[in-house]
Amino acid sequence: EYKEEAQFFVTTLLEQLKSRGRTEDLTLLELGSGGGHNAFYMKKYFPGGVTLADLSQGMLEQSKRLNPDCSHLQGDMRLLRLQKQDFDVVFVHDAIAYMTTEND
């Protein structure tokens, strides 16, 4: 399930990036990354680096085992502040369902 879904997202994202002239050293930030399953399939397309963020330390521990080559951050995606970091893609998958109010 994750492999096919991730491939769909990658194809769409890379098309958009290419149309904007971005094709090299691409970077990805995934908010609400959970156990890192999407990132496992997506990371090879983002050689500039992948950063995964999740509120749950337990989920991050799973992700670290699956994606030791990625950066991991613990925190609430609504409050996470990344100083002096730019990403070509900010990806939010299922975690968007946790945004239940306009303030979220």
C-alpha atoms as a PDB file:
ATOM      1  CA  GLU A   1       0.000   0.000   0.000  1.00  0.00           C
ATOM      2  CA  TYR A   2       2.684   2.537   0.939  1.00  0.00           C
ATOM      3  CA  LYS A   3       4.799   1.849  -2.134  1.00  0.00           C
ATOM      4  CA  GLU A   4       2.055   2.609  -4.665  1.00  0.00           C
ATOM      5  CA  GLU A   5       0.810   5.599  -2.728  1.00  0.00           C
ATOM      6  CA  ALA A   6       4.291   7.037  -2.310  1.00  0.00           C
ATOM      7  CA  GLN A   7       4.992   6.596  -6.020  1.00  0.00           C
ATOM      8  CA  PHE A   8       1.854   8.577  -6.858  1.00  0.00           C
ATOM      9  CA  PHE A   9       2.935  11.407  -4.582  1.00  0.00           C
ATOM     10  CA  VAL A  10       6.508  11.398  -5.890  1.00  0.00           C
ATOM     11  CA  THR A  11       5.382  11.501  -9.514  1.00  0.00           C
ATOM     12  CA  THR A  12       3.078  14.443  -8.838  1.00  0.00           C
ATOM     13  CA  LEU A  13       5.632  16.322  -6.745  1.00  0.00           C
ATOM     14  CA  LEU A  14       8.499  15.826  -9.192  1.00  0.00           C
ATOM     15  CA  GLU A  15       6.355  17.046 -12.092  1.00  0.00           C
ATOM     16  CA  GLN A  16       5.555  20.218 -10.163  1.00  0.00           C
ATOM     17  CA  LEU A  17       9.165  20.767  -9.140  1.00  0.00           C
ATOM     18  CA  LYS A  18      10.410  20.217 -12.683  1.00  0.00           C
ATOM     19  CA  SER A  19       7.919  22.758 -14.031  1.00  0.00           C
ATOM     20  CA  ARG A  20       9.471  25.262 -11.613  1.00  0.00           C
ATOM     21  CA  GLY A  21      13.018  24.445 -12.671  1.00  0.00           C
ATOM     22  CA  ARG A  22      13.892  22.453  -9.541  1.00  0.00           C
ATOM     23  CA  THR A  23      15.485  19.124 -10.402  1.00  0.00           C
ATOM     24  CA  GLU A  24      18.692  18.757  -8.368  1.00  0.00           C
ATOM     25  CA  ASP A  25      19.478  18.216  -4.698  1.00  0.00           C
ATOM     26  CA  LEU A  26      15.788  18.195  -3.833  1.00  0.00           C
ATOM     27  CA  THR A  27      14.803  18.235  -0.169  1.00  0.00           C
ATOM     28  CA  LEU A  28      11.709  16.968   1.617  1.00  0.00           C
ATOM     29  CA  LEU A  29      10.128  17.731   4.979  1.00  0.00           C
ATOM     30  CA  GLU A  30       7.376  15.344   6.035  1.00  0.00           C
ATOM     31  CA  LEU A  31       5.159  16.542   8.870  1.00  0.00           C
ATOM     32  CA  GLY A  32       3.310  13.858  10.786  1.00  0.00           C
ATOM     33  CA  SER A  33       5.611  11.230   9.330  1.00  0.00           C
ATOM     34  CA  GLY A  34       4.564   8.450  11.698  1.00  0.00           C
ATOM     35  CA  GLY A  35       6.629   5.305  11.288  1.00  0.00           C
ATOM     36  CA  GLY A  36       8.314   6.638   8.143  1.00  0.00           C
ATOM     37  CA  HIS A  37       6.740   4.275   5.637  1.00  0.00           C
ATOM     38  CA  ASN A  38       6.058   6.894   2.949  1.00  0.00           C
ATOM     39  CA  ALA A  39       9.544   8.328   3.396  1.00  0.00           C
ATOM     40  CA  PHE A  40      11.066   4.888   2.938  1.00  0.00           C
ATOM     41  CA  TYR A  41       9.840   4.884  -0.667  1.00  0.00           C
ATOM     42  CA  MET A  42      10.164   8.617  -1.335  1.00  0.00           C
ATOM     43  CA  LYS A  43      13.631   9.410   0.026  1.00  0.00           C
ATOM     44  CA  LYS A  44      15.587   8.208  -2.996  1.00  0.00           C
ATOM     45  CA  TYR A  45      14.035  11.041  -5.022  1.00  0.00           C
ATOM     46  CA  PHE A  46      15.227  13.700  -2.551  1.00  0.00           C
ATOM     47  CA  PRO A  47      19.023  13.428  -2.481  1.00  0.00           C
ATOM     48  CA  GLY A  48      19.366  16.824  -0.824  1.00  0.00           C
ATOM     49  CA  GLY A  49      17.954  15.348   2.366  1.00  0.00           C
ATOM     50  CA  VAL A  50      14.773  14.193   4.041  1.00  0.00           C
ATOM     51  CA  THR A  51      13.584  15.433   7.423  1.00  0.00           C
ATOM     52  CA  LEU A  52      10.778  13.596   9.208  1.00  0.00           C
ATOM     53  CA  ALA A  53       8.792  15.153  12.031  1.00  0.00           C
ATOM     54  CA  ASP A  54       6.207  13.549  14.294  1.00  0.00           C
ATOM     55  CA  LEU A  55       4.698  14.197  17.693  1.00  0.00           C
ATOM     56  CA  SER A  56       5.099  10.582  18.823  1.00  0.00           C
ATOM     57  CA  GLN A  57       8.543   9.491  19.996  1.00  0.00           C
ATOM     58  CA  GLY A  58       7.491   5.880  19.490  1.00  0.00           C
ATOM     59  CA  MET A  59       6.652   6.506  15.829  1.00  0.00           C
ATOM     60  CA  LEU A  60       9.952   8.308  15.346  1.00  0.00           C
ATOM     61  CA  GLU A  61      11.817   5.365  16.825  1.00  0.00           C
ATOM     62  CA  GLN A  62      10.187   3.094  14.236  1.00  0.00           C
ATOM     63  CA  SER A  63      11.041   5.571  11.505  1.00  0.00           C
ATOM     64  CA  LYS A  64      14.650   5.811  12.620  1.00  0.00           C
ATOM     65  CA  ARG A  65      14.996   2.056  12.206  1.00  0.00           C
ATOM     66  CA  LEU A  66      13.416   2.193   8.738  1.00  0.00           C
ATOM     67  CA  ASN A  67      15.113   5.440   7.647  1.00  0.00           C
ATOM     68  CA  PRO A  68      18.421   5.830   9.486  1.00  0.00           C
ATOM     69  CA  ASP A  69      19.662   8.082   6.687  1.00  0.00           C
ATOM     70  CA  CYS A  70      16.952  10.708   7.346  1.00  0.00           C
ATOM     71  CA  SER A  71      16.841  13.461   9.955  1.00  0.00           C
ATOM     72  CA  HIS A  72      14.162  13.065  12.630  1.00  0.00           C
ATOM     73  CA  LEU A  73      12.497  15.731  14.764  1.00  0.00           C
ATOM     74  CA  GLN A  74       9.973  15.302  17.536  1.00  0.00           C
ATOM     75  CA  GLY A  75       7.297  17.948  17.834  1.00  0.00           C
ATOM     76  CA  ASP A  76       3.787  19.097  17.116  1.00  0.00           C
ATOM     77  CA  MET A  77       3.606  19.963  13.414  1.00  0.00           C
ATOM     78  CA  ARG A  78       1.480  23.004  14.250  1.00  0.00           C
ATOM     79  CA  LEU A  79       4.212  24.444  16.455  1.00  0.00           C
ATOM     80  CA  LEU A  80       7.404  23.134  14.874  1.00  0.00           C
ATOM     81  CA  ARG A  81       9.814  25.916  13.908  1.00  0.00           C
ATOM     82  CA  LEU A  82      12.796  25.163  11.720  1.00  0.00           C
ATOM     83  CA  GLN A  83      15.323  27.950  11.757  1.00  0.00           C
ATOM     84  CA  LYS A  84      17.203  28.652   8.533  1.00  0.00           C
ATOM     85  CA  GLN A  85      16.003  25.565   6.725  1.00  0.00           C
ATOM     86  CA  ASP A  86      14.315  25.563   3.349  1.00  0.00           C
ATOM     87  CA  PHE A  87      12.674  22.547   1.753  1.00  0.00           C
ATOM     88  CA  ASP A  88      11.618  21.971  -1.818  1.00  0.00           C
ATOM     89  CA  VAL A  89       8.647  19.953  -0.607  1.00  0.00           C
ATOM     90  CA  VAL A  90       6.653  19.974   2.613  1.00  0.00           C
ATOM     91  CA  PHE A  91       4.573  16.809   2.635  1.00  0.00           C
ATOM     92  CA  VAL A  92       1.680  16.108   5.007  1.00  0.00           C
ATOM     93  CA  HIS A  93      -0.165  12.854   4.456  1.00  0.00           C
ATOM     94  CA  ASP A  94      -2.635  11.312   6.918  1.00  0.00           C
ATOM     95  CA  ALA A  95      -1.634  13.667   9.720  1.00  0.00           C
ATOM     96  CA  ILE A  96      -3.660  16.425   8.096  1.00  0.00           C
ATOM     97  CA  ALA A  97      -6.730  14.706   9.580  1.00  0.00           C
ATOM     98  CA  TYR A  98      -5.583  15.972  13.000  1.00  0.00           C
ATOM     99  CA  MET A  99      -6.225  19.534  11.848  1.00  0.00           C
ATOM    100  CA  THR A 100      -9.813  19.816  13.025  1.00  0.00           C
ATOM    101  CA  THR A 101     -10.288  23.536  13.581  1.00  0.00           C
ATOM    102  CA  GLU A 102      -9.438  26.701  11.693  1.00  0.00           C
ATOM    103  CA  ASN A 103      -6.832  27.522  14.351  1.00  0.00           C
ATOM    104  CA  ASP A 104      -5.015  24.239  13.684  1.00  0.00           C
END
